Amino acid sequence: MRLSAEPLSVCSEPASGWITTIQRFSLHDGPGIRSVVFLKGCQMRCRWCANPEGLNAGSEVLFHAGRCLHCGKCAEHCPVGIHRWLDNVHTLDRSRQCQGCRLCEEGCPTGALSVTGEKLTPDTVFHRVMADETWFRQSGGGVTLSGGEVCMQPEFASQLIQQIGAEDIHTAIETAGYASWRAVQQVTSVCDLILYDLKSADDEQHKRYTGVSNKIIVRNLERLLQEDRRIIIRIPVIPHFNDAPDQADKLLMLIHSLTRHRPAFKHIELLPYHRFGTGKYALLNKAYAWNSSTARVDTFLEAAHKYDIPVKVSGTLVS
């Protein structure tokens, strides 16, 4: 695995980006009513990830096996041989790369197949999200770019953000910060708000459960704070990973050391663990590695109080 996220798009070519979906009317990813554009591709492999369809760039097939009639129509349409019909049984060869033609999805009589992943221009995404312009203006909302990892596609992301911002619509990005400083700066320099994920202060633990070191992540956060970028630090509270009292204290102590006397830092936001994404793993024929219990949010609330750090839980301010 590379040390940090590298651009998927090339600056000399017209900007385009891989996205999975656009979620409308979100209330939890920045102020007001928002549309969240989920970009596709991520360098990290967090074991509890709720969006496995966003990990790899390119198109992928989601297969609802219980709906399949094993009629073979998808195999007839697929130009690359992902779908196979052997002995009257439908199987998928996931070693082959889906081209995103959606012929299988369109030809399936029961909706057993859906394709995730579109390569779009900033202009196309701009027109899709601006369909809700009235809601953005009335609520003080806007558009948030999430992932996957936004900083893997800095040219696409920065052009889209600038196009939206030119209409005086609020823009935000959610990033895990595991990217080159050049990519991080390119995207963050043009947005109004940064939602920065921070998972653990323990580097060895971070490597073990996310696949990467946290050193680049912490360094990029420190540089953003020095540049007075408006930042909310988001912490996914994960049982048996970071919710023990010593782990919570260590992480909040790090945040305190980085953010004190930094007026652009607003607060931390705790995101309690959930299992909402587990069904997607089955659709992608992947194993879910973190079917765990409820996270202990109280350990973070106690540590936040100890270090006098403003904190929200799922968007609710805690005094």
C-alpha atoms as a PDB file:
ATOM      1  CA  MET A   1       0.000   0.000   0.000  1.00  0.00           C
ATOM      2  CA  ARG A   2       1.228   3.471  -0.889  1.00  0.00           C
ATOM      3  CA  LEU A   3       2.154   5.802   1.952  1.00  0.00           C
ATOM      4  CA  SER A   4      -0.573   8.283   1.120  1.00  0.00           C
ATOM      5  CA  ALA A   5      -3.429   8.910  -1.238  1.00  0.00           C
ATOM      6  CA  GLU A   6      -2.399   9.883  -4.746  1.00  0.00           C
ATOM      7  CA  PRO A   7      -4.663  11.590  -7.291  1.00  0.00           C
ATOM      8  CA  LEU A   8      -6.857   9.338  -9.410  1.00  0.00           C
ATOM      9  CA  SER A   9      -7.324  12.101 -11.957  1.00  0.00           C
ATOM     10  CA  VAL A  10      -4.577  13.718 -14.027  1.00  0.00           C
ATOM     11  CA  CYS A  11      -4.399  17.489 -14.045  1.00  0.00           C
ATOM     12  CA  SER A  12      -3.515  17.664 -17.773  1.00  0.00           C
ATOM     13  CA  GLU A  13      -6.806  15.949 -18.688  1.00  0.00           C
ATOM     14  CA  PRO A  14     -10.358  17.240 -18.192  1.00  0.00           C
ATOM     15  CA  ALA A  15     -11.260  16.673 -14.541  1.00  0.00           C
ATOM     16  CA  SER A  16     -13.484  13.716 -13.781  1.00  0.00           C
ATOM     17  CA  GLY A  17     -14.108  11.778 -10.620  1.00  0.00           C
ATOM     18  CA  TRP A  18     -15.477   8.497  -9.378  1.00  0.00           C
ATOM     19  CA  ILE A  19     -18.524   8.755  -7.126  1.00  0.00           C
ATOM     20  CA  THR A  20     -20.842   6.162  -5.616  1.00  0.00           C
ATOM     21  CA  THR A  21     -23.921   8.216  -4.824  1.00  0.00           C
ATOM     22  CA  ILE A  22     -25.334  11.622  -3.919  1.00  0.00           C
ATOM     23  CA  GLN A  23     -27.279  11.622  -0.672  1.00  0.00           C
ATOM     24  CA  ARG A  24     -29.855  14.390  -0.524  1.00  0.00           C
ATOM     25  CA  PHE A  25     -31.376  16.125   2.525  1.00  0.00           C
ATOM     26  CA  SER A  26     -28.589  15.197   4.944  1.00  0.00           C
ATOM     27  CA  LEU A  27     -28.584  16.932   8.339  1.00  0.00           C
ATOM     28  CA  HIS A  28     -25.387  15.476   9.799  1.00  0.00           C
ATOM     29  CA  ASP A  29     -22.501  16.486   7.526  1.00  0.00           C
ATOM     30  CA  GLY A  30     -22.265  20.226   8.015  1.00  0.00           C
ATOM     31  CA  PRO A  31     -24.735  23.055   8.690  1.00  0.00           C
ATOM     32  CA  GLY A  32     -28.272  23.109   7.322  1.00  0.00           C
ATOM     33  CA  ILE A  33     -29.801  20.798   4.733  1.00  0.00           C
ATOM     34  CA  ARG A  34     -27.085  19.310   2.549  1.00  0.00           C
ATOM     35  CA  SER A  35     -26.352  17.030  -0.339  1.00  0.00           C
ATOM     36  CA  VAL A  36     -23.443  14.676   0.311  1.00  0.00           C
ATOM     37  CA  VAL A  37     -21.403  13.530  -2.686  1.00  0.00           C
ATOM     38  CA  PHE A  38     -19.672  10.247  -1.860  1.00  0.00           C
ATOM     39  CA  LEU A  39     -16.430   9.869  -3.797  1.00  0.00           C
ATOM     40  CA  LYS A  40     -15.099   6.404  -4.620  1.00  0.00           C
ATOM     41  CA  GLY A  41     -11.642   5.154  -3.676  1.00  0.00           C
ATOM     42  CA  CYS A  42      -9.858   5.046  -0.316  1.00  0.00           C
ATOM     43  CA  GLN A  43      -6.342   4.147   0.783  1.00  0.00           C
ATOM     44  CA  MET A  44      -7.393   3.094   4.283  1.00  0.00           C
ATOM     45  CA  ARG A  45      -8.965  -0.230   5.186  1.00  0.00           C
ATOM     46  CA  CYS A  46     -10.757   0.415   8.470  1.00  0.00           C
ATOM     47  CA  ARG A  47     -12.199  -2.877   9.659  1.00  0.00           C
ATOM     48  CA  TRP A  48     -15.517  -1.284  10.636  1.00  0.00           C
ATOM     49  CA  CYS A  49     -15.996   0.725   7.416  1.00  0.00           C
ATOM     50  CA  ALA A  50     -19.696   1.310   6.714  1.00  0.00           C
ATOM     51  CA  ASN A  51     -19.160   2.121   3.024  1.00  0.00           C
ATOM     52  CA  PRO A  52     -17.278  -0.817   1.459  1.00  0.00           C
ATOM     53  CA  GLU A  53     -18.593   0.162  -1.963  1.00  0.00           C
ATOM     54  CA  GLY A  54     -16.451   3.303  -1.669  1.00  0.00           C
ATOM     55  CA  LEU A  55     -13.110   1.601  -1.064  1.00  0.00           C
ATOM     56  CA  ASN A  56     -12.103   0.773  -4.637  1.00  0.00           C
ATOM     57  CA  ALA A  57     -12.132   3.096  -7.631  1.00  0.00           C
ATOM     58  CA  GLY A  58     -14.128   1.977 -10.633  1.00  0.00           C
ATOM     59  CA  SER A  59     -17.503   0.325 -11.044  1.00  0.00           C
ATOM     60  CA  GLU A  60     -18.602  -2.687  -8.992  1.00  0.00           C
ATOM     61  CA  VAL A  61     -21.603  -5.000  -9.079  1.00  0.00           C
ATOM     62  CA  LEU A  62     -23.881  -5.374  -6.052  1.00  0.00           C
ATOM     63  CA  PHE A  63     -25.616  -8.767  -6.126  1.00  0.00           C
ATOM     64  CA  HIS A  64     -28.856  -9.413  -4.199  1.00  0.00           C
ATOM     65  CA  ALA A  65     -28.615 -13.199  -4.333  1.00  0.00           C
ATOM     66  CA  GLY A  66     -32.060 -13.789  -2.820  1.00  0.00           C
ATOM     67  CA  ARG A  67     -33.748 -12.024  -5.737  1.00  0.00           C
ATOM     68  CA  CYS A  68     -31.900 -13.920  -8.496  1.00  0.00           C
ATOM     69  CA  LEU A  69     -33.949 -16.148 -10.824  1.00  0.00           C
ATOM     70  CA  HIS A  70     -30.787 -17.639 -12.403  1.00  0.00           C
ATOM     71  CA  CYS A  71     -32.247 -16.799 -15.805  1.00  0.00           C
ATOM     72  CA  GLY A  72     -28.878 -16.057 -17.407  1.00  0.00           C
ATOM     73  CA  LYS A  73     -29.903 -12.733 -18.959  1.00  0.00           C
ATOM     74  CA  CYS A  74     -27.105 -10.838 -17.202  1.00  0.00           C
ATOM     75  CA  ALA A  75     -24.501 -13.213 -18.630  1.00  0.00           C
ATOM     76  CA  GLU A  76     -25.868 -12.577 -22.114  1.00  0.00           C
ATOM     77  CA  HIS A  77     -25.488  -8.810 -21.715  1.00  0.00           C
ATOM     78  CA  CYS A  78     -22.151  -8.513 -19.830  1.00  0.00           C
ATOM     79  CA  PRO A  79     -19.329  -7.545 -22.261  1.00  0.00           C
ATOM     80  CA  VAL A  80     -16.495  -8.547 -19.897  1.00  0.00           C
ATOM     81  CA  GLY A  81     -17.754 -11.854 -18.516  1.00  0.00           C
ATOM     82  CA  ILE A  82     -18.327 -10.898 -14.903  1.00  0.00           C
ATOM     83  CA  HIS A  83     -21.669 -12.687 -14.931  1.00  0.00           C
ATOM     84  CA  ARG A  84     -21.580 -16.393 -15.661  1.00  0.00           C
ATOM     85  CA  TRP A  85     -24.377 -18.892 -16.072  1.00  0.00           C
ATOM     86  CA  LEU A  86     -23.128 -22.411 -15.410  1.00  0.00           C
ATOM     87  CA  ASP A  87     -25.380 -25.413 -14.862  1.00  0.00           C
ATOM     88  CA  ASN A  88     -28.366 -23.046 -14.673  1.00  0.00           C
ATOM     89  CA  VAL A  89     -26.775 -21.122 -11.792  1.00  0.00           C
ATOM     90  CA  HIS A  90     -25.703 -17.457 -11.864  1.00  0.00           C
ATOM     91  CA  THR A  91     -22.220 -16.736 -10.495  1.00  0.00           C
ATOM     92  CA  LEU A  92     -19.978 -13.656 -10.517  1.00  0.00           C
ATOM     93  CA  ASP A  93     -16.310 -13.580 -11.458  1.00  0.00           C
ATOM     94  CA  ARG A  94     -15.120 -10.646  -9.362  1.00  0.00           C
ATOM     95  CA  SER A  95     -11.575 -10.952 -10.692  1.00  0.00           C
ATOM     96  CA  ARG A  96     -12.864  -9.162 -13.790  1.00  0.00           C
ATOM     97  CA  GLN A  97     -13.322  -5.381 -13.795  1.00  0.00           C
ATOM     98  CA  CYS A  98     -16.845  -4.057 -14.281  1.00  0.00           C
ATOM     99  CA  GLN A  99     -16.993  -1.451 -17.053  1.00  0.00           C
ATOM    100  CA  GLY A 100     -20.050   0.268 -15.604  1.00  0.00           C
ATOM    101  CA  CYS A 101     -22.205  -0.234 -18.696  1.00  0.00           C
ATOM    102  CA  ARG A 102     -25.162  -1.253 -16.491  1.00  0.00           C
ATOM    103  CA  LEU A 103     -26.505  -3.645 -19.141  1.00  0.00           C
ATOM    104  CA  CYS A 104     -26.841  -6.366 -16.506  1.00  0.00           C
ATOM    105  CA  GLU A 105     -28.702  -4.009 -14.163  1.00  0.00           C
ATOM    106  CA  GLU A 106     -31.084  -2.919 -16.906  1.00  0.00           C
ATOM    107  CA  GLY A 107     -31.679  -6.479 -18.115  1.00  0.00           C
ATOM    108  CA  CYS A 108     -32.288  -8.113 -14.725  1.00  0.00           C
ATOM    109  CA  PRO A 109     -36.041  -8.787 -14.344  1.00  0.00           C
ATOM    110  CA  THR A 110     -36.009  -8.843 -10.516  1.00  0.00           C
ATOM    111  CA  GLY A 111     -33.584  -6.046  -9.595  1.00  0.00           C
ATOM    112  CA  ALA A 112     -31.046  -8.533  -8.253  1.00  0.00           C
ATOM    113  CA  LEU A 113     -28.168  -6.514  -9.723  1.00  0.00           C
ATOM    114  CA  SER A 114     -27.076  -2.922  -9.269  1.00  0.00           C
ATOM    115  CA  VAL A 115     -23.871  -1.217 -10.332  1.00  0.00           C
ATOM    116  CA  THR A 116     -22.120   1.263  -8.053  1.00  0.00           C
ATOM    117  CA  GLY A 117     -19.585   3.765  -9.307  1.00  0.00           C
ATOM    118  CA  GLU A 118     -19.876   6.493 -11.939  1.00  0.00           C
ATOM    119  CA  LYS A 119     -17.113   8.548 -13.513  1.00  0.00           C
ATOM    120  CA  LEU A 120     -18.503  12.054 -13.835  1.00  0.00           C
ATOM    121  CA  THR A 121     -17.306  15.566 -14.592  1.00  0.00           C
ATOM    122  CA  PRO A 122     -17.602  18.314 -11.972  1.00  0.00           C
ATOM    123  CA  ASP A 123     -20.167  20.011 -14.205  1.00  0.00           C
ATOM    124  CA  THR A 124     -22.432  16.938 -14.186  1.00  0.00           C
ATOM    125  CA  VAL A 125     -22.294  16.621 -10.403  1.00  0.00           C
ATOM    126  CA  PHE A 126     -22.781  20.382 -10.018  1.00  0.00           C
ATOM    127  CA  HIS A 127     -26.056  20.307 -11.925  1.00  0.00           C
ATOM    128  CA  ARG A 128     -27.289  17.315  -9.952  1.00  0.00           C
ATOM    129  CA  VAL A 129     -26.676  18.858  -6.537  1.00  0.00           C
ATOM    130  CA  MET A 130     -27.911  22.317  -7.532  1.00  0.00           C
ATOM    131  CA  ALA A 131     -31.371  20.832  -8.059  1.00  0.00           C
ATOM    132  CA  ASP A 132     -31.702  21.421  -4.292  1.00  0.00           C
ATOM    133  CA  GLU A 133     -30.374  24.981  -4.350  1.00  0.00           C
ATOM    134  CA  THR A 134     -33.564  26.344  -2.768  1.00  0.00           C
ATOM    135  CA  TRP A 135     -33.174  24.045   0.246  1.00  0.00           C
ATOM    136  CA  PHE A 136     -29.529  25.032   0.652  1.00  0.00           C
ATOM    137  CA  ARG A 137     -30.307  28.745   0.669  1.00  0.00           C
ATOM    138  CA  GLN A 138     -33.319  28.504   2.969  1.00  0.00           C
ATOM    139  CA  SER A 139     -31.534  26.341   5.563  1.00  0.00           C
ATOM    140  CA  GLY A 140     -28.012  27.722   5.378  1.00  0.00           C
ATOM    141  CA  GLY A 141     -26.919  24.338   4.055  1.00  0.00           C
ATOM    142  CA  GLY A 142     -24.889  23.281   1.062  1.00  0.00           C
ATOM    143  CA  VAL A 143     -22.826  20.458  -0.357  1.00  0.00           C
ATOM    144  CA  THR A 144     -20.397  18.117   1.409  1.00  0.00           C
ATOM    145  CA  LEU A 145     -17.871  15.916  -0.367  1.00  0.00           C
ATOM    146  CA  SER A 146     -17.265  12.656   1.482  1.00  0.00           C
ATOM    147  CA  GLY A 147     -15.932   9.230   0.628  1.00  0.00           C
ATOM    148  CA  GLY A 148     -14.095   7.066   0.197  1.00  0.00           C
ATOM    149  CA  GLU A 149     -11.358   9.673   0.453  1.00  0.00           C
ATOM    150  CA  VAL A 150     -11.894  13.073  -1.161  1.00  0.00           C
ATOM    151  CA  CYS A 151      -8.152  13.797  -1.307  1.00  0.00           C
ATOM    152  CA  MET A 152      -7.573  10.851  -3.647  1.00  0.00           C
ATOM    153  CA  GLN A 153      -9.269  12.953  -6.341  1.00  0.00           C
ATOM    154  CA  PRO A 154      -8.054  16.492  -5.590  1.00  0.00           C
ATOM    155  CA  GLU A 155      -8.424  17.954  -9.083  1.00  0.00           C
ATOM    156  CA  PHE A 156     -12.016  16.791  -9.448  1.00  0.00           C
ATOM    157  CA  ALA A 157     -12.911  17.732  -5.863  1.00  0.00           C
ATOM    158  CA  SER A 158     -11.378  21.206  -5.975  1.00  0.00           C
ATOM    159  CA  GLN A 159     -13.013  22.071  -9.298  1.00  0.00           C
ATOM    160  CA  LEU A 160     -16.416  20.906  -8.058  1.00  0.00           C
ATOM    161  CA  ILE A 161     -16.082  22.821  -4.794  1.00  0.00           C
ATOM    162  CA  GLN A 162     -15.086  26.012  -6.610  1.00  0.00           C
ATOM    163  CA  GLN A 163     -17.989  25.684  -9.034  1.00  0.00           C
ATOM    164  CA  ILE A 164     -20.459  25.305  -6.156  1.00  0.00           C
ATOM    165  CA  GLY A 165     -18.818  28.023  -4.082  1.00  0.00           C
ATOM    166  CA  ALA A 166     -19.048  30.446  -6.986  1.00  0.00           C
ATOM    167  CA  GLU A 167     -22.830  30.258  -6.526  1.00  0.00           C
ATOM    168  CA  ASP A 168     -22.422  31.315  -2.884  1.00  0.00           C
ATOM    169  CA  ILE A 169     -23.367  27.836  -1.637  1.00  0.00           C
ATOM    170  CA  HIS A 170     -21.624  26.526   1.492  1.00  0.00           C
ATOM    171  CA  THR A 171     -19.115  23.726   0.837  1.00  0.00           C
ATOM    172  CA  ALA A 172     -17.547  21.164   3.156  1.00  0.00           C
ATOM    173  CA  ILE A 173     -15.319  18.126   2.816  1.00  0.00           C
ATOM    174  CA  GLU A 174     -14.936  15.080   5.004  1.00  0.00           C
ATOM    175  CA  THR A 175     -11.433  13.652   4.955  1.00  0.00           C
ATOM    176  CA  ALA A 176      -9.367  11.173   6.944  1.00  0.00           C
ATOM    177  CA  GLY A 177      -6.293  13.225   6.085  1.00  0.00           C
ATOM    178  CA  TYR A 178      -4.250  10.285   4.789  1.00  0.00           C
ATOM    179  CA  ALA A 179      -2.901  12.023   1.709  1.00  0.00           C
ATOM    180  CA  SER A 180      -0.028  14.137   0.510  1.00  0.00           C
ATOM    181  CA  TRP A 181      -0.040  17.679   1.857  1.00  0.00           C
ATOM    182  CA  ARG A 182      -0.308  18.923  -1.717  1.00  0.00           C
ATOM    183  CA  ALA A 183      -3.568  17.023  -2.242  1.00  0.00           C
ATOM    184  CA  VAL A 184      -4.967  18.045   1.153  1.00  0.00           C
ATOM    185  CA  GLN A 185      -4.123  21.701   0.603  1.00  0.00           C
ATOM    186  CA  GLN A 186      -5.567  21.723  -2.924  1.00  0.00           C
ATOM    187  CA  VAL A 187      -8.964  20.568  -1.677  1.00  0.00           C
ATOM    188  CA  THR A 188      -9.158  22.316   1.695  1.00  0.00           C
ATOM    189  CA  SER A 189      -8.022  25.714   0.426  1.00  0.00           C
ATOM    190  CA  VAL A 190     -11.255  26.164  -1.540  1.00  0.00           C
ATOM    191  CA  CYS A 191     -13.903  24.806   0.868  1.00  0.00           C
ATOM    192  CA  ASP A 192     -15.704  26.534   3.745  1.00  0.00           C
ATOM    193  CA  LEU A 193     -15.509  23.738   6.332  1.00  0.00           C
ATOM    194  CA  ILE A 194     -13.321  20.685   6.958  1.00  0.00           C
ATOM    195  CA  LEU A 195     -14.726  17.643   8.747  1.00  0.00           C
ATOM    196  CA  TYR A 196     -11.523  15.879   9.751  1.00  0.00           C
ATOM    197  CA  ASP A 197     -11.686  12.255  10.900  1.00  0.00           C
ATOM    198  CA  LEU A 198      -9.294  11.287  13.676  1.00  0.00           C
ATOM    199  CA  LYS A 199      -9.470   7.729  14.928  1.00  0.00           C
ATOM    200  CA  SER A 200      -6.610   6.986  17.313  1.00  0.00           C
ATOM    201  CA  ALA A 201      -3.522   8.580  18.818  1.00  0.00           C
ATOM    202  CA  ASP A 202      -1.838   5.163  19.053  1.00  0.00           C
ATOM    203  CA  ASP A 203       0.127   4.651  15.840  1.00  0.00           C
ATOM    204  CA  GLU A 204       0.560   0.888  16.181  1.00  0.00           C
ATOM    205  CA  GLN A 205      -3.117   0.406  16.891  1.00  0.00           C
ATOM    206  CA  HIS A 206      -3.978   2.693  13.998  1.00  0.00           C
ATOM    207  CA  LYS A 207      -1.843   0.597  11.626  1.00  0.00           C
ATOM    208  CA  ARG A 208      -3.349  -2.639  12.884  1.00  0.00           C
ATOM    209  CA  TYR A 209      -6.983  -1.661  12.437  1.00  0.00           C
ATOM    210  CA  THR A 210      -6.907   0.814   9.527  1.00  0.00           C
ATOM    211  CA  GLY A 211      -3.929  -0.477   7.543  1.00  0.00           C
ATOM    212  CA  VAL A 212      -1.975   2.797   7.687  1.00  0.00           C
ATOM    213  CA  SER A 213       0.042   4.922  10.082  1.00  0.00           C
ATOM    214  CA  ASN A 214      -1.543   7.977  11.695  1.00  0.00           C
ATOM    215  CA  LYS A 215       1.594  10.119  11.407  1.00  0.00           C
ATOM    216  CA  ILE A 216       0.665  11.731   8.078  1.00  0.00           C
ATOM    217  CA  ILE A 217      -2.894  12.247   9.333  1.00  0.00           C
ATOM    218  CA  VAL A 218      -1.771  14.067  12.494  1.00  0.00           C
ATOM    219  CA  ARG A 219       0.814  16.124  10.602  1.00  0.00           C
ATOM    220  CA  ASN A 220      -1.727  17.268   8.020  1.00  0.00           C
ATOM    221  CA  LEU A 221      -4.204  18.196  10.749  1.00  0.00           C
ATOM    222  CA  GLU A 222      -1.542  20.245  12.510  1.00  0.00           C
ATOM    223  CA  ARG A 223      -0.729  22.141   9.314  1.00  0.00           C
ATOM    224  CA  LEU A 224      -4.407  22.853   8.613  1.00  0.00           C
ATOM    225  CA  LEU A 225      -4.834  24.218  12.121  1.00  0.00           C
ATOM    226  CA  GLN A 226      -1.766  26.418  11.667  1.00  0.00           C
ATOM    227  CA  GLU A 227      -3.360  27.830   8.509  1.00  0.00           C
ATOM    228  CA  ASP A 228      -6.563  28.619  10.452  1.00  0.00           C
ATOM    229  CA  ARG A 229      -8.825  26.426   8.321  1.00  0.00           C
ATOM    230  CA  ARG A 230     -12.276  26.054   9.860  1.00  0.00           C
ATOM    231  CA  ILE A 231     -12.250  22.510  11.236  1.00  0.00           C
ATOM    232  CA  ILE A 232     -14.508  20.122  13.112  1.00  0.00           C
ATOM    233  CA  ILE A 233     -12.690  16.980  14.252  1.00  0.00           C
ATOM    234  CA  ARG A 234     -14.856  13.876  13.952  1.00  0.00           C
ATOM    235  CA  ILE A 235     -14.121  10.758  15.966  1.00  0.00           C
ATOM    236  CA  PRO A 236     -15.747   7.442  15.051  1.00  0.00           C
ATOM    237  CA  VAL A 237     -16.269   5.804  18.441  1.00  0.00           C
ATOM    238  CA  ILE A 238     -15.481   2.135  17.819  1.00  0.00           C
ATOM    239  CA  PRO A 239     -15.892  -0.585  20.474  1.00  0.00           C
ATOM    240  CA  HIS A 240     -12.691  -2.496  21.266  1.00  0.00           C
ATOM    241  CA  PHE A 241     -10.662  -0.036  19.202  1.00  0.00           C
ATOM    242  CA  ASN A 242     -10.684   3.459  20.707  1.00  0.00           C
ATOM    243  CA  ASP A 243     -13.464   3.587  23.330  1.00  0.00           C
ATOM    244  CA  ALA A 244     -11.442   2.345  26.322  1.00  0.00           C
ATOM    245  CA  PRO A 245     -10.752   5.138  28.858  1.00  0.00           C
ATOM    246  CA  ASP A 246      -6.993   5.195  28.221  1.00  0.00           C
ATOM    247  CA  GLN A 247      -7.423   5.331  24.434  1.00  0.00           C
ATOM    248  CA  ALA A 248     -10.046   8.080  24.627  1.00  0.00           C
ATOM    249  CA  ASP A 249      -7.885  10.104  27.001  1.00  0.00           C
ATOM    250  CA  LYS A 250      -4.821   9.745  24.804  1.00  0.00           C
ATOM    251  CA  LEU A 251      -6.723  10.907  21.714  1.00  0.00           C
ATOM    252  CA  LEU A 252      -8.364  13.881  23.445  1.00  0.00           C
ATOM    253  CA  MET A 253      -5.026  14.898  24.947  1.00  0.00           C
ATOM    254  CA  LEU A 254      -3.544  14.931  21.436  1.00  0.00           C
ATOM    255  CA  ILE A 255      -6.446  17.017  20.141  1.00  0.00           C
ATOM    256  CA  HIS A 256      -6.061  19.431  23.050  1.00  0.00           C
ATOM    257  CA  SER A 257      -2.360  19.904  22.299  1.00  0.00           C
ATOM    258  CA  LEU A 258      -3.054  20.558  18.616  1.00  0.00           C
ATOM    259  CA  THR A 259      -6.102  22.824  18.907  1.00  0.00           C
ATOM    260  CA  ARG A 260      -5.504  25.082  21.898  1.00  0.00           C
ATOM    261  CA  HIS A 261      -5.255  28.732  20.879  1.00  0.00           C
ATOM    262  CA  ARG A 262      -6.557  27.778  17.418  1.00  0.00           C
ATOM    263  CA  PRO A 263      -9.776  29.797  16.940  1.00  0.00           C
ATOM    264  CA  ALA A 264     -10.622  28.052  13.645  1.00  0.00           C
ATOM    265  CA  PHE A 265     -11.169  24.781  15.517  1.00  0.00           C
ATOM    266  CA  LYS A 266     -14.861  24.565  16.449  1.00  0.00           C
ATOM    267  CA  HIS A 267     -15.453  21.320  18.336  1.00  0.00           C
ATOM    268  CA  ILE A 268     -15.155  17.559  18.148  1.00  0.00           C
ATOM    269  CA  GLU A 269     -18.048  15.435  16.962  1.00  0.00           C
ATOM    270  CA  LEU A 270     -18.467  11.861  18.161  1.00  0.00           C
ATOM    271  CA  LEU A 271     -19.839   9.349  15.668  1.00  0.00           C
ATOM    272  CA  PRO A 272     -20.991   6.245  17.584  1.00  0.00           C
ATOM    273  CA  TYR A 273     -20.387   2.888  15.922  1.00  0.00           C
ATOM    274  CA  HIS A 274     -23.259   1.379  13.935  1.00  0.00           C
ATOM    275  CA  ARG A 275     -23.853  -1.639  11.722  1.00  0.00           C
ATOM    276  CA  PHE A 276     -25.797   0.109   8.952  1.00  0.00           C
ATOM    277  CA  GLY A 277     -23.288  -0.888   6.284  1.00  0.00           C
ATOM    278  CA  THR A 278     -23.013  -4.597   7.027  1.00  0.00           C
ATOM    279  CA  GLY A 279     -25.512  -5.629   4.357  1.00  0.00           C
ATOM    280  CA  LYS A 280     -23.351  -4.041   1.655  1.00  0.00           C
ATOM    281  CA  TYR A 281     -20.549  -6.497   2.400  1.00  0.00           C
ATOM    282  CA  ALA A 282     -22.769  -9.434   1.476  1.00  0.00           C
ATOM    283  CA  LEU A 283     -23.780  -7.689  -1.765  1.00  0.00           C
ATOM    284  CA  LEU A 284     -20.089  -7.353  -2.668  1.00  0.00           C
ATOM    285  CA  ASN A 285     -19.265 -10.883  -1.477  1.00  0.00           C
ATOM    286  CA  LYS A 286     -16.963  -9.506   1.218  1.00  0.00           C
ATOM    287  CA  ALA A 287     -16.639 -10.486   4.860  1.00  0.00           C
ATOM    288  CA  TYR A 288     -17.475  -7.883   7.509  1.00  0.00           C
ATOM    289  CA  ALA A 289     -14.690  -7.897  10.088  1.00  0.00           C
ATOM    290  CA  TRP A 290     -16.229  -5.837  12.900  1.00  0.00           C
ATOM    291  CA  ASN A 291     -19.596  -7.055  14.143  1.00  0.00           C
ATOM    292  CA  SER A 292     -19.177  -5.633  17.618  1.00  0.00           C
ATOM    293  CA  SER A 293     -21.106  -4.169  20.523  1.00  0.00           C
ATOM    294  CA  THR A 294     -22.269  -0.634  21.316  1.00  0.00           C
ATOM    295  CA  ALA A 295     -19.469   1.882  21.677  1.00  0.00           C
ATOM    296  CA  ARG A 296     -18.736   3.667  24.973  1.00  0.00           C
ATOM    297  CA  VAL A 297     -19.298   7.326  24.144  1.00  0.00           C
ATOM    298  CA  ASP A 298     -19.055   8.248  27.841  1.00  0.00           C
ATOM    299  CA  THR A 299     -15.275   7.766  27.888  1.00  0.00           C
ATOM    300  CA  PHE A 300     -14.883  10.489  25.258  1.00  0.00           C
ATOM    301  CA  LEU A 301     -17.325  12.803  27.002  1.00  0.00           C
ATOM    302  CA  GLU A 302     -15.319  12.484  30.217  1.00  0.00           C
ATOM    303  CA  ALA A 303     -12.032  13.111  28.418  1.00  0.00           C
ATOM    304  CA  ALA A 304     -13.493  16.107  26.554  1.00  0.00           C
ATOM    305  CA  HIS A 305     -14.644  17.586  29.857  1.00  0.00           C
ATOM    306  CA  LYS A 306     -11.199  16.961  31.363  1.00  0.00           C
ATOM    307  CA  TYR A 307      -9.463  18.859  28.539  1.00  0.00           C
ATOM    308  CA  ASP A 308     -12.222  21.476  28.179  1.00  0.00           C
ATOM    309  CA  ILE A 309     -12.932  20.631  24.537  1.00  0.00           C
ATOM    310  CA  PRO A 310     -16.410  21.398  23.091  1.00  0.00           C
ATOM    311  CA  VAL A 311     -18.065  18.180  21.963  1.00  0.00           C
ATOM    312  CA  LYS A 312     -21.146  17.031  20.036  1.00  0.00           C
ATOM    313  CA  VAL A 313     -22.602  13.563  19.735  1.00  0.00           C
ATOM    314  CA  SER A 314     -24.278  12.898  16.371  1.00  0.00           C
ATOM    315  CA  GLY A 315     -24.931  16.609  15.961  1.00  0.00           C
ATOM    316  CA  THR A 316     -26.144  17.305  19.528  1.00  0.00           C
ATOM    317  CA  LEU A 317     -24.134  19.780  21.590  1.00  0.00           C
ATOM    318  CA  VAL A 318     -23.010  18.408  24.944  1.00  0.00           C
ATOM    319  CA  SER A 319     -22.440  20.957  27.680  1.00  0.00           C
END
